[in-house]
Amino acid sequence: MNTSASTSAPAKGTVSARPRSLRWRVVDIVVASVIGVASGLIFLLWNVGYLGPSALLEPLLPGLQGLLDGPWLFAGVLGALIIRKPGAAIYTETLAAVVSALVGNQWGGFLTLEAGLVQGLGAELVFLLFLYRRWTLPVAMLAGVGAALFGAVNNLILWYVGADTVFTVVYLVSAAVSGAVVAGLLSWLLARGLAATGALDRFASGREVRERV
């Protein structure tokens, strides 16, 4: 029997074994920074764009505006899915908030930075829970929910003091749904789309997708 055939390269559709390192490289910092800045520009657009939908949702059911939180939450999830290193979610979400704060918005600089840090932490803790080893769609959506709930509780403390039980529950559920769909599902799809182009071949996230094609 020819034993060399049984020890050859992995069959098509399998992921090659590579040493796993959680240390940040220069390319990790650069790409995470690009993600953070680009996300911050999207934040700036949504700072204005959300006003119209919010005016429609709030009269329907107080707290339903939580459905609009997702576009402020995706940076941390996307950054973590691509970089796959500890701190990536906090770094990219906070950097996006820095961009939003520097240009200016209606919430003030410090509170914008604080919100970004809290939201990034919510996503980061989910990836930590899985020891930075699971990057599936369910985990991405759970990270989006984590970012949403941390951000929503922060908003309830800072902006909705004295809110009644109905508002609180509706807002938390609405934010969680938005986080799961926009920050979780859409970020996962975007990361896979970028990987399929070959743009992420220097990352495990990119190689994984390309090697399964």
N, C-alpha and C. Protein backbone atom coordinates (compact mmCIF):
# COMPACT_ATOMS: atom_id res chain seq x y z
N MET A 1 0.85 -1.22 0.00
CA MET A 1 0.00 0.00 0.00
C MET A 1 0.87 1.24 0.00
N ASN A 2 0.51 2.24 -0.77
CA ASN A 2 1.26 3.49 -0.83
C ASN A 2 0.85 4.39 0.33
N THR A 3 1.69 4.46 1.36
CA THR A 3 1.34 5.24 2.56
C THR A 3 1.45 6.73 2.32
N SER A 4 2.21 7.13 1.30
CA SER A 4 2.38 8.57 1.06
C SER A 4 1.07 9.23 0.69
N ALA A 5 0.19 8.49 0.02
CA ALA A 5 -1.10 9.06 -0.39
C ALA A 5 -1.98 9.38 0.81
N SER A 6 -1.86 8.56 1.87
CA SER A 6 -2.71 8.77 3.04
C SER A 6 -2.23 9.89 3.92
N THR A 7 -0.99 10.35 3.69
CA THR A 7 -0.45 11.45 4.51
C THR A 7 -0.24 12.71 3.69
N SER A 8 -0.90 12.80 2.57
CA SER A 8 -0.75 13.96 1.70
C SER A 8 -1.53 15.14 2.24
N ALA A 9 -1.56 16.21 1.47
CA ALA A 9 -2.23 17.45 1.90
C ALA A 9 -3.69 17.19 2.15
N PRO A 10 -4.33 18.01 3.01
CA PRO A 10 -5.75 17.83 3.32
C PRO A 10 -6.60 17.88 2.06
N ALA A 11 -7.67 17.12 2.06
CA ALA A 11 -8.57 17.12 0.91
C ALA A 11 -9.26 18.46 0.78
N LYS A 12 -9.74 18.72 -0.43
CA LYS A 12 -10.44 19.97 -0.67
C LYS A 12 -11.64 20.09 0.26
N GLY A 13 -11.81 21.27 0.85
CA GLY A 13 -12.93 21.50 1.75
C GLY A 13 -12.54 21.42 3.20
N THR A 14 -11.28 20.99 3.50
CA THR A 14 -10.81 20.97 4.88
C THR A 14 -9.91 22.15 5.12
N VAL A 15 -9.74 22.52 6.39
CA VAL A 15 -8.92 23.67 6.74
C VAL A 15 -7.56 23.18 7.19
N SER A 16 -6.51 23.70 6.59
CA SER A 16 -5.16 23.27 6.93
C SER A 16 -4.83 23.65 8.36
N ALA A 17 -4.09 22.76 9.02
CA ALA A 17 -3.68 23.03 10.40
C ALA A 17 -2.58 24.06 10.41
N ARG A 18 -2.70 25.10 11.17
CA ARG A 18 -1.69 26.15 11.29
C ARG A 18 -1.51 26.49 12.75
N PRO A 19 -0.31 26.89 13.12
CA PRO A 19 -0.10 27.28 14.52
C PRO A 19 -1.05 28.41 14.90
N ARG A 20 -1.65 28.31 16.06
CA ARG A 20 -2.61 29.32 16.51
C ARG A 20 -1.92 30.24 17.50
N SER A 21 -1.93 31.52 17.20
CA SER A 21 -1.32 32.50 18.09
C SER A 21 -2.33 33.60 18.38
N LEU A 22 -2.39 34.01 19.64
CA LEU A 22 -3.29 35.09 20.03
C LEU A 22 -2.56 36.43 20.12
N ARG A 23 -1.28 36.43 19.77
CA ARG A 23 -0.51 37.68 19.79
C ARG A 23 -0.85 38.53 18.57
N TRP A 24 -0.93 39.82 18.80
CA TRP A 24 -1.23 40.74 17.71
C TRP A 24 0.00 40.96 16.84
N ARG A 25 -0.21 40.96 15.52
CA ARG A 25 0.83 41.31 14.55
C ARG A 25 0.59 42.73 14.06
N VAL A 26 1.56 43.26 13.34
CA VAL A 26 1.40 44.61 12.78
C VAL A 26 0.20 44.63 11.84
N VAL A 27 0.05 43.59 11.02
CA VAL A 27 -1.06 43.56 10.08
C VAL A 27 -2.40 43.51 10.81
N ASP A 28 -2.45 42.88 11.98
CA ASP A 28 -3.68 42.85 12.77
C ASP A 28 -4.06 44.26 13.21
N ILE A 29 -3.07 45.00 13.69
CA ILE A 29 -3.31 46.37 14.16
C ILE A 29 -3.77 47.26 13.01
N VAL A 30 -3.11 47.12 11.87
CA VAL A 30 -3.45 47.95 10.71
C VAL A 30 -4.87 47.68 10.23
N VAL A 31 -5.20 46.40 10.04
CA VAL A 31 -6.53 46.06 9.52
C VAL A 31 -7.61 46.38 10.54
N ALA A 32 -7.35 46.11 11.82
CA ALA A 32 -8.33 46.46 12.86
C ALA A 32 -8.57 47.97 12.88
N SER A 33 -7.53 48.74 12.67
CA SER A 33 -7.66 50.20 12.65
C SER A 33 -8.48 50.65 11.45
N VAL A 34 -8.25 50.02 10.31
CA VAL A 34 -9.04 50.35 9.11
C VAL A 34 -10.52 50.04 9.35
N ILE A 35 -10.77 48.88 9.96
CA ILE A 35 -12.17 48.50 10.27
C ILE A 35 -12.78 49.51 11.21
N GLY A 36 -12.04 49.91 12.24
CA GLY A 36 -12.56 50.86 13.22
C GLY A 36 -12.88 52.21 12.61
N VAL A 37 -11.96 52.73 11.79
CA VAL A 37 -12.18 54.04 11.17
C VAL A 37 -13.33 53.99 10.18
N ALA A 38 -13.36 52.95 9.34
CA ALA A 38 -14.45 52.82 8.37
C ALA A 38 -15.80 52.69 9.07
N SER A 39 -15.82 51.92 10.16
CA SER A 39 -17.05 51.78 10.93
C SER A 39 -17.47 53.10 11.55
N GLY A 40 -16.48 53.87 12.00
CA GLY A 40 -16.78 55.18 12.58
C GLY A 40 -17.45 56.10 11.58
N LEU A 41 -17.05 56.02 10.32
CA LEU A 41 -17.69 56.83 9.29
C LEU A 41 -19.14 56.41 9.08
N ILE A 42 -19.40 55.10 9.19
CA ILE A 42 -20.78 54.61 9.10
C ILE A 42 -21.57 55.10 10.31
N PHE A 43 -20.93 55.09 11.49
CA PHE A 43 -21.58 55.63 12.69
C PHE A 43 -22.03 57.07 12.44
N LEU A 44 -21.14 57.85 11.83
CA LEU A 44 -21.46 59.27 11.59
C LEU A 44 -22.70 59.41 10.71
N LEU A 45 -22.80 58.58 9.69
CA LEU A 45 -23.97 58.64 8.82
C LEU A 45 -25.23 58.23 9.57
N TRP A 46 -25.10 57.19 10.42
CA TRP A 46 -26.27 56.71 11.15
C TRP A 46 -26.67 57.66 12.26
N ASN A 47 -25.73 58.47 12.78
CA ASN A 47 -26.08 59.47 13.79
C ASN A 47 -27.17 60.40 13.29
N VAL A 48 -27.19 60.62 11.99
CA VAL A 48 -28.21 61.47 11.38
C VAL A 48 -29.34 60.63 10.79
N GLY A 49 -28.95 59.53 10.13
CA GLY A 49 -29.92 58.71 9.42
C GLY A 49 -30.97 58.05 10.30
N TYR A 50 -30.61 57.79 11.58
CA TYR A 50 -31.56 57.09 12.45
C TYR A 50 -32.72 57.98 12.89
N LEU A 51 -32.58 59.29 12.75
CA LEU A 51 -33.59 60.21 13.28
C LEU A 51 -34.97 59.99 12.64
N GLY A 52 -34.99 59.76 11.33
CA GLY A 52 -36.26 59.54 10.65
C GLY A 52 -36.97 58.28 11.13
N PRO A 53 -36.29 57.11 11.06
CA PRO A 53 -36.93 55.87 11.55
C PRO A 53 -37.31 55.95 13.02
N SER A 54 -36.48 56.62 13.82
CA SER A 54 -36.78 56.74 15.24
C SER A 54 -38.07 57.50 15.48
N ALA A 55 -38.29 58.55 14.71
CA ALA A 55 -39.51 59.34 14.85
C ALA A 55 -40.75 58.53 14.49
N LEU A 56 -40.58 57.52 13.65
CA LEU A 56 -41.70 56.66 13.28
C LEU A 56 -41.95 55.56 14.31
N LEU A 57 -40.86 55.01 14.88
CA LEU A 57 -41.00 53.87 15.79
C LEU A 57 -41.45 54.26 17.19
N GLU A 58 -40.92 55.35 17.70
CA GLU A 58 -41.21 55.73 19.09
C GLU A 58 -42.69 55.88 19.39
N PRO A 59 -43.49 56.51 18.51
CA PRO A 59 -44.93 56.63 18.83
C PRO A 59 -45.66 55.28 18.78
N LEU A 60 -45.13 54.32 18.02
CA LEU A 60 -45.80 53.02 17.92
C LEU A 60 -45.76 52.26 19.23
N LEU A 61 -44.58 52.21 19.83
CA LEU A 61 -44.42 51.52 21.10
C LEU A 61 -43.14 52.04 21.75
N PRO A 62 -43.23 52.71 22.88
CA PRO A 62 -42.04 53.24 23.55
C PRO A 62 -41.02 52.13 23.80
N GLY A 63 -39.79 52.39 23.40
CA GLY A 63 -38.72 51.41 23.57
C GLY A 63 -38.39 50.68 22.28
N LEU A 64 -39.29 50.77 21.30
CA LEU A 64 -39.08 50.07 20.04
C LEU A 64 -37.90 50.65 19.25
N GLN A 65 -37.46 51.85 19.63
CA GLN A 65 -36.32 52.45 18.94
C GLN A 65 -35.03 51.66 19.15
N GLY A 66 -35.07 50.70 20.07
CA GLY A 66 -33.92 49.83 20.24
C GLY A 66 -33.59 49.05 18.98
N LEU A 67 -34.56 48.87 18.10
CA LEU A 67 -34.33 48.20 16.83
C LEU A 67 -33.32 48.93 15.97
N LEU A 68 -33.08 50.19 16.27
CA LEU A 68 -32.18 51.02 15.47
C LEU A 68 -30.75 51.03 16.00
N ASP A 69 -30.47 50.32 17.07
CA ASP A 69 -29.15 50.36 17.70
C ASP A 69 -28.09 49.58 16.93
N GLY A 70 -28.50 48.60 16.14
CA GLY A 70 -27.56 47.69 15.47
C GLY A 70 -26.43 48.35 14.70
N PRO A 71 -26.69 49.38 13.89
CA PRO A 71 -25.60 50.00 13.12
C PRO A 71 -24.51 50.63 13.98
N TRP A 72 -24.76 50.84 15.26
CA TRP A 72 -23.72 51.35 16.15
C TRP A 72 -22.97 50.22 16.87
N LEU A 73 -23.33 48.98 16.59
CA LEU A 73 -22.80 47.85 17.35
C LEU A 73 -21.92 46.91 16.54
N PHE A 74 -21.94 47.04 15.22
CA PHE A 74 -21.32 46.01 14.38
C PHE A 74 -19.80 46.04 14.36
N ALA A 75 -19.19 47.19 14.66
CA ALA A 75 -17.74 47.33 14.50
C ALA A 75 -16.97 46.31 15.33
N GLY A 76 -17.37 46.14 16.58
CA GLY A 76 -16.67 45.21 17.45
C GLY A 76 -16.80 43.77 16.99
N VAL A 77 -17.99 43.38 16.58
CA VAL A 77 -18.23 42.01 16.12
C VAL A 77 -17.45 41.74 14.84
N LEU A 78 -17.51 42.67 13.90
CA LEU A 78 -16.80 42.50 12.63
C LEU A 78 -15.29 42.43 12.86
N GLY A 79 -14.78 43.33 13.68
CA GLY A 79 -13.36 43.33 13.96
C GLY A 79 -12.89 42.02 14.57
N ALA A 80 -13.65 41.50 15.51
CA ALA A 80 -13.29 40.25 16.15
C ALA A 80 -13.36 39.07 15.18
N LEU A 81 -14.39 39.03 14.34
CA LEU A 81 -14.53 37.94 13.39
C LEU A 81 -13.37 37.89 12.41
N ILE A 82 -12.84 39.04 12.05
CA ILE A 82 -11.74 39.09 11.09
C ILE A 82 -10.38 38.88 11.76
N ILE A 83 -10.12 39.60 12.84
CA ILE A 83 -8.80 39.56 13.49
C ILE A 83 -8.63 38.30 14.34
N ARG A 84 -9.66 37.89 15.04
CA ARG A 84 -9.65 36.68 15.88
C ARG A 84 -8.56 36.74 16.95
N LYS A 85 -8.41 37.88 17.58
CA LYS A 85 -7.44 38.04 18.65
C LYS A 85 -8.12 38.70 19.84
N PRO A 86 -7.67 38.40 21.06
CA PRO A 86 -8.24 39.06 22.24
C PRO A 86 -8.14 40.57 22.13
N GLY A 87 -9.21 41.25 22.46
CA GLY A 87 -9.23 42.71 22.44
C GLY A 87 -9.69 43.32 21.13
N ALA A 88 -9.87 42.51 20.10
CA ALA A 88 -10.23 43.05 18.79
C ALA A 88 -11.60 43.73 18.81
N ALA A 89 -12.56 43.13 19.51
CA ALA A 89 -13.91 43.72 19.56
C ALA A 89 -13.88 45.06 20.28
N ILE A 90 -13.20 45.11 21.41
CA ILE A 90 -13.11 46.37 22.16
C ILE A 90 -12.38 47.43 21.34
N TYR A 91 -11.28 47.04 20.72
CA TYR A 91 -10.46 48.00 19.97
C TYR A 91 -11.24 48.61 18.80
N THR A 92 -11.85 47.77 17.96
CA THR A 92 -12.51 48.30 16.78
C THR A 92 -13.77 49.11 17.12
N GLU A 93 -14.53 48.64 18.11
CA GLU A 93 -15.74 49.38 18.49
C GLU A 93 -15.38 50.71 19.13
N THR A 94 -14.36 50.72 19.97
CA THR A 94 -13.95 51.97 20.62
C THR A 94 -13.35 52.94 19.62
N LEU A 95 -12.54 52.43 18.69
CA LEU A 95 -11.96 53.31 17.67
C LEU A 95 -13.05 53.93 16.80
N ALA A 96 -14.06 53.15 16.45
CA ALA A 96 -15.18 53.69 15.68
C ALA A 96 -15.86 54.81 16.46
N ALA A 97 -16.00 54.62 17.78
CA ALA A 97 -16.60 55.66 18.62
C ALA A 97 -15.71 56.90 18.68
N VAL A 98 -14.39 56.70 18.67
CA VAL A 98 -13.46 57.84 18.67
C VAL A 98 -13.68 58.69 17.42
N VAL A 99 -13.79 58.03 16.27
CA VAL A 99 -14.02 58.76 15.02
C VAL A 99 -15.32 59.56 15.11
N SER A 100 -16.36 58.93 15.62
CA SER A 100 -17.65 59.61 15.76
C SER A 100 -17.55 60.80 16.72
N ALA A 101 -16.79 60.61 17.80
CA ALA A 101 -16.66 61.68 18.80
C ALA A 101 -15.83 62.85 18.27
N LEU A 102 -14.77 62.54 17.52
CA LEU A 102 -13.90 63.60 17.02
C LEU A 102 -14.61 64.49 16.02
N VAL A 103 -15.42 63.90 15.18
CA VAL A 103 -16.16 64.70 14.19
C VAL A 103 -17.28 65.47 14.86
N GLY A 104 -17.84 64.85 15.92
CA GLY A 104 -18.91 65.52 16.67
C GLY A 104 -20.26 64.89 16.45
N ASN A 105 -21.03 64.80 17.52
CA ASN A 105 -22.39 64.30 17.42
C ASN A 105 -23.21 64.88 18.56
N GLN A 106 -24.48 64.49 18.61
CA GLN A 106 -25.41 65.10 19.57
C GLN A 106 -25.28 64.56 20.98
N TRP A 107 -24.41 63.54 21.20
CA TRP A 107 -24.31 62.93 22.52
C TRP A 107 -23.06 63.35 23.30
N GLY A 108 -22.18 64.07 22.66
CA GLY A 108 -20.99 64.52 23.36
C GLY A 108 -19.84 63.54 23.22
N GLY A 109 -18.61 64.05 23.27
CA GLY A 109 -17.43 63.24 23.04
C GLY A 109 -17.21 62.14 24.05
N PHE A 110 -17.19 62.48 25.34
CA PHE A 110 -16.87 61.49 26.37
C PHE A 110 -17.90 60.37 26.40
N LEU A 111 -19.18 60.72 26.34
CA LEU A 111 -20.23 59.70 26.41
C LEU A 111 -20.22 58.80 25.18
N THR A 112 -19.80 59.33 24.03
CA THR A 112 -19.67 58.50 22.84
C THR A 112 -18.55 57.48 23.01
N LEU A 113 -17.41 57.94 23.54
CA LEU A 113 -16.29 57.03 23.80
C LEU A 113 -16.67 55.95 24.81
N GLU A 114 -17.37 56.39 25.86
CA GLU A 114 -17.78 55.45 26.90
C GLU A 114 -18.73 54.40 26.34
N ALA A 115 -19.65 54.83 25.48
CA ALA A 115 -20.60 53.90 24.88
C ALA A 115 -19.89 52.89 24.00
N GLY A 116 -18.92 53.35 23.21
CA GLY A 116 -18.16 52.44 22.35
C GLY A 116 -17.41 51.40 23.15
N LEU A 117 -16.81 51.83 24.24
CA LEU A 117 -16.06 50.90 25.10
C LEU A 117 -16.99 49.85 25.71
N VAL A 118 -18.14 50.29 26.19
CA VAL A 118 -19.10 49.37 26.81
C VAL A 118 -19.64 48.37 25.78
N GLN A 119 -20.00 48.85 24.61
CA GLN A 119 -20.53 47.97 23.57
C GLN A 119 -19.47 46.97 23.11
N GLY A 120 -18.25 47.45 22.94
CA GLY A 120 -17.17 46.55 22.55
C GLY A 120 -16.93 45.48 23.60
N LEU A 121 -17.03 45.87 24.86
CA LEU A 121 -16.83 44.92 25.95
C LEU A 121 -17.91 43.84 25.92
N GLY A 122 -19.15 44.22 25.61
CA GLY A 122 -20.23 43.25 25.53
C GLY A 122 -19.98 42.17 24.49
N ALA A 123 -19.46 42.58 23.33
CA ALA A 123 -19.13 41.61 22.29
C ALA A 123 -17.89 40.80 22.67
N GLU A 124 -16.90 41.48 23.23
CA GLU A 124 -15.64 40.82 23.59
C GLU A 124 -15.85 39.68 24.58
N LEU A 125 -16.72 39.88 25.55
CA LEU A 125 -16.94 38.86 26.57
C LEU A 125 -17.55 37.59 25.99
N VAL A 126 -18.33 37.72 24.93
CA VAL A 126 -18.91 36.53 24.29
C VAL A 126 -17.81 35.72 23.61
N PHE A 127 -16.93 36.39 22.87
CA PHE A 127 -15.84 35.67 22.23
C PHE A 127 -14.89 35.07 23.26
N LEU A 128 -14.70 35.77 24.37
CA LEU A 128 -13.88 35.24 25.46
C LEU A 128 -14.53 33.99 26.05
N LEU A 129 -15.84 34.01 26.17
CA LEU A 129 -16.57 32.86 26.70
C LEU A 129 -16.26 31.59 25.91
N PHE A 130 -16.04 31.75 24.61
CA PHE A 130 -15.70 30.61 23.75
C PHE A 130 -14.19 30.50 23.53
N LEU A 131 -13.42 31.19 24.39
CA LEU A 131 -11.95 31.11 24.39
C LEU A 131 -11.34 31.48 23.04
N TYR A 132 -11.98 32.36 22.32
CA TYR A 132 -11.51 32.82 21.02
C TYR A 132 -11.25 31.65 20.06
N ARG A 133 -12.11 30.65 20.13
CA ARG A 133 -11.97 29.47 19.27
C ARG A 133 -13.19 29.23 18.38
N ARG A 134 -14.29 29.86 18.66
CA ARG A 134 -15.52 29.63 17.91
C ARG A 134 -15.90 30.92 17.19
N TRP A 135 -16.02 30.83 15.85
CA TRP A 135 -16.31 32.02 15.04
C TRP A 135 -17.48 31.74 14.10
N THR A 136 -18.42 30.94 14.60
CA THR A 136 -19.58 30.55 13.80
C THR A 136 -20.64 31.65 13.81
N LEU A 137 -21.65 31.45 12.96
CA LEU A 137 -22.75 32.42 12.90
C LEU A 137 -23.47 32.55 14.25
N PRO A 138 -23.81 31.45 14.94
CA PRO A 138 -24.47 31.61 16.24
C PRO A 138 -23.65 32.41 17.24
N VAL A 139 -22.33 32.19 17.25
CA VAL A 139 -21.49 32.95 18.17
C VAL A 139 -21.45 34.42 17.77
N ALA A 140 -21.38 34.69 16.48
CA ALA A 140 -21.40 36.08 16.01
C ALA A 140 -22.69 36.78 16.42
N MET A 141 -23.81 36.09 16.27
CA MET A 141 -25.08 36.69 16.65
C MET A 141 -25.17 36.88 18.16
N LEU A 142 -24.63 35.93 18.90
CA LEU A 142 -24.61 36.08 20.36
C LEU A 142 -23.73 37.26 20.78
N ALA A 143 -22.63 37.46 20.07
CA ALA A 143 -21.77 38.61 20.35
C ALA A 143 -22.50 39.91 20.04
N GLY A 144 -23.30 39.91 18.98
CA GLY A 144 -24.11 41.08 18.66
C GLY A 144 -25.12 41.38 19.75
N VAL A 145 -25.71 40.31 20.30
CA VAL A 145 -26.63 40.48 21.42
C VAL A 145 -25.90 41.01 22.64
N GLY A 146 -24.69 40.49 22.89
CA GLY A 146 -23.91 40.98 24.02
C GLY A 146 -23.62 42.46 23.91
N ALA A 147 -23.18 42.89 22.72
CA ALA A 147 -22.92 44.32 22.51
C ALA A 147 -24.19 45.13 22.70
N ALA A 148 -25.31 44.61 22.20
CA ALA A 148 -26.59 45.32 22.29
C ALA A 148 -27.06 45.47 23.73
N LEU A 149 -26.98 44.41 24.50
CA LEU A 149 -27.47 44.46 25.88
C LEU A 149 -26.58 45.35 26.75
N PHE A 150 -25.28 45.27 26.57
CA PHE A 150 -24.39 46.16 27.32
C PHE A 150 -24.67 47.61 26.95
N GLY A 151 -24.84 47.86 25.66
CA GLY A 151 -25.12 49.22 25.21
C GLY A 151 -26.48 49.70 25.67
N ALA A 152 -27.49 48.81 25.65
CA ALA A 152 -28.84 49.19 26.05
C ALA A 152 -28.91 49.51 27.53
N VAL A 153 -28.28 48.69 28.35
CA VAL A 153 -28.26 48.96 29.79
C VAL A 153 -27.55 50.28 30.07
N ASN A 154 -26.47 50.52 29.35
CA ASN A 154 -25.75 51.78 29.50
C ASN A 154 -26.65 52.97 29.13
N ASN A 155 -27.41 52.82 28.05
CA ASN A 155 -28.32 53.89 27.64
C ASN A 155 -29.45 54.10 28.65
N LEU A 156 -29.95 53.01 29.21
CA LEU A 156 -31.01 53.12 30.22
C LEU A 156 -30.52 53.88 31.44
N ILE A 157 -29.26 53.68 31.80
CA ILE A 157 -28.70 54.36 32.97
C ILE A 157 -28.45 55.84 32.69
N LEU A 158 -27.95 56.13 31.49
CA LEU A 158 -27.54 57.49 31.17
C LEU A 158 -28.65 58.35 30.56
N TRP A 159 -29.49 57.74 29.71
CA TRP A 159 -30.42 58.53 28.91
C TRP A 159 -31.90 58.28 29.24
N TYR A 160 -32.20 57.16 29.85
CA TYR A 160 -33.60 56.83 30.11
C TYR A 160 -33.84 56.60 31.59
N VAL A 161 -33.31 57.49 32.39
CA VAL A 161 -33.48 57.38 33.84
C VAL A 161 -34.97 57.46 34.19
N GLY A 162 -35.44 56.55 35.01
CA GLY A 162 -36.84 56.55 35.42
C GLY A 162 -37.77 55.86 34.45
N ALA A 163 -37.22 55.20 33.41
CA ALA A 163 -38.08 54.51 32.45
C ALA A 163 -38.87 53.40 33.14
N ASP A 164 -40.13 53.23 32.73
CA ASP A 164 -40.97 52.20 33.37
C ASP A 164 -40.60 50.81 32.87
N THR A 165 -41.23 49.81 33.45
CA THR A 165 -40.89 48.42 33.14
C THR A 165 -41.17 48.06 31.69
N VAL A 166 -42.31 48.53 31.16
CA VAL A 166 -42.66 48.21 29.78
C VAL A 166 -41.61 48.76 28.82
N PHE A 167 -41.25 50.02 28.99
CA PHE A 167 -40.25 50.63 28.13
C PHE A 167 -38.94 49.86 28.22
N THR A 168 -38.51 49.54 29.44
CA THR A 168 -37.24 48.86 29.65
C THR A 168 -37.20 47.52 28.95
N VAL A 169 -38.25 46.73 29.12
CA VAL A 169 -38.30 45.40 28.51
C VAL A 169 -38.34 45.49 26.98
N VAL A 170 -39.19 46.37 26.46
CA VAL A 170 -39.29 46.53 25.01
C VAL A 170 -37.97 47.00 24.43
N TYR A 171 -37.33 47.94 25.11
CA TYR A 171 -36.07 48.47 24.61
C TYR A 171 -34.97 47.42 24.62
N LEU A 172 -34.87 46.65 25.69
CA LEU A 172 -33.85 45.61 25.78
C LEU A 172 -34.05 44.53 24.71
N VAL A 173 -35.29 44.09 24.54
CA VAL A 173 -35.58 43.06 23.54
C VAL A 173 -35.33 43.58 22.13
N SER A 174 -35.76 44.81 21.87
CA SER A 174 -35.57 45.40 20.55
C SER A 174 -34.09 45.56 20.22
N ALA A 175 -33.33 46.03 21.19
CA ALA A 175 -31.89 46.20 20.99
C ALA A 175 -31.22 44.85 20.75
N ALA A 176 -31.62 43.83 21.49
CA ALA A 176 -31.04 42.50 21.34
C ALA A 176 -31.31 41.94 19.94
N VAL A 177 -32.52 42.14 19.43
CA VAL A 177 -32.86 41.68 18.09
C VAL A 177 -32.00 42.40 17.06
N SER A 178 -31.89 43.71 17.21
CA SER A 178 -31.07 44.49 16.28
C SER A 178 -29.61 44.06 16.35
N GLY A 179 -29.12 43.82 17.56
CA GLY A 179 -27.74 43.38 17.71
C GLY A 179 -27.49 42.04 17.05
N ALA A 180 -28.42 41.10 17.22
CA ALA A 180 -28.27 39.77 16.63
C ALA A 180 -28.26 39.83 15.11
N VAL A 181 -29.16 40.63 14.54
CA VAL A 181 -29.31 40.67 13.08
C VAL A 181 -28.26 41.57 12.43
N VAL A 182 -28.17 42.82 12.87
CA VAL A 182 -27.29 43.78 12.21
C VAL A 182 -25.82 43.57 12.63
N ALA A 183 -25.57 43.58 13.93
CA ALA A 183 -24.19 43.44 14.40
C ALA A 183 -23.68 42.01 14.27
N GLY A 184 -24.57 41.02 14.41
CA GLY A 184 -24.15 39.63 14.35
C GLY A 184 -24.21 39.03 12.96
N LEU A 185 -25.41 38.83 12.44
CA LEU A 185 -25.59 38.19 11.15
C LEU A 185 -24.92 38.95 10.01
N LEU A 186 -25.18 40.26 9.91
CA LEU A 186 -24.62 41.02 8.79
C LEU A 186 -23.10 41.11 8.88
N SER A 187 -22.55 41.23 10.08
CA SER A 187 -21.09 41.26 10.22
C SER A 187 -20.48 39.93 9.80
N TRP A 188 -21.12 38.83 10.15
CA TRP A 188 -20.64 37.50 9.77
C TRP A 188 -20.65 37.34 8.25
N LEU A 189 -21.73 37.79 7.62
CA LEU A 189 -21.82 37.71 6.17
C LEU A 189 -20.78 38.61 5.50
N LEU A 190 -20.57 39.79 6.06
CA LEU A 190 -19.59 40.71 5.49
C LEU A 190 -18.18 40.14 5.61
N ALA A 191 -17.85 39.56 6.76
CA ALA A 191 -16.53 38.97 6.97
C ALA A 191 -16.30 37.84 5.97
N ARG A 192 -17.31 36.99 5.76
CA ARG A 192 -17.17 35.90 4.82
C ARG A 192 -17.08 36.41 3.38
N GLY A 193 -17.81 37.46 3.07
CA GLY A 193 -17.74 38.04 1.74
C GLY A 193 -16.36 38.60 1.44
N LEU A 194 -15.79 39.31 2.41
CA LEU A 194 -14.43 39.84 2.25
C LEU A 194 -13.42 38.70 2.11
N ALA A 195 -13.59 37.66 2.90
CA ALA A 195 -12.67 36.52 2.85
C ALA A 195 -12.72 35.84 1.49
N ALA A 196 -13.90 35.73 0.91
CA ALA A 196 -14.05 35.06 -0.37
C ALA A 196 -13.31 35.78 -1.50
N THR A 197 -13.08 37.07 -1.35
CA THR A 197 -12.36 37.83 -2.37
C THR A 197 -10.86 37.64 -2.29
N GLY A 198 -10.37 37.06 -1.19
CA GLY A 198 -8.94 36.90 -1.00
C GLY A 198 -8.31 38.04 -0.23
N ALA A 199 -9.11 39.04 0.14
CA ALA A 199 -8.57 40.21 0.85
C ALA A 199 -8.08 39.88 2.25
N LEU A 200 -8.53 38.75 2.80
CA LEU A 200 -8.16 38.40 4.18
C LEU A 200 -7.29 37.15 4.24
N ASP A 201 -6.55 36.88 3.19
CA ASP A 201 -5.75 35.66 3.15
C ASP A 201 -4.63 35.63 4.19
N ARG A 202 -4.27 36.76 4.75
CA ARG A 202 -3.25 36.79 5.80
C ARG A 202 -3.83 36.52 7.18
N PHE A 203 -5.15 36.25 7.21
CA PHE A 203 -5.83 35.98 8.47
C PHE A 203 -6.45 34.58 8.43
N ALA A 204 -6.53 33.97 9.60
CA ALA A 204 -7.17 32.66 9.68
C ALA A 204 -8.61 32.74 9.20
N SER A 205 -9.28 33.85 9.46
CA SER A 205 -10.67 34.02 9.03
C SER A 205 -10.79 33.98 7.52
N GLY A 206 -9.80 34.51 6.82
CA GLY A 206 -9.82 34.50 5.36
C GLY A 206 -9.44 33.15 4.80
N ARG A 207 -8.39 32.54 5.34
CA ARG A 207 -7.95 31.24 4.84
C ARG A 207 -9.02 30.17 5.05
N GLU A 208 -9.72 30.25 6.16
CA GLU A 208 -10.74 29.25 6.47
C GLU A 208 -11.81 29.22 5.39
N VAL A 209 -12.26 30.38 4.98
CA VAL A 209 -13.30 30.45 3.96
C VAL A 209 -12.76 30.01 2.61
N ARG A 210 -11.58 30.47 2.25
CA ARG A 210 -11.00 30.16 0.94
C ARG A 210 -10.69 28.67 0.81
N GLU A 211 -10.24 28.04 1.88
CA GLU A 211 -9.87 26.64 1.82
C GLU A 211 -11.08 25.71 1.79
N ARG A 212 -12.24 26.24 2.14
CA ARG A 212 -13.45 25.43 2.09
C ARG A 212 -14.16 25.53 0.75
N VAL A 213 -13.69 26.44 -0.10
CA VAL A 213 -14.32 26.61 -1.41
C VAL A 213 -13.92 25.46 -2.35
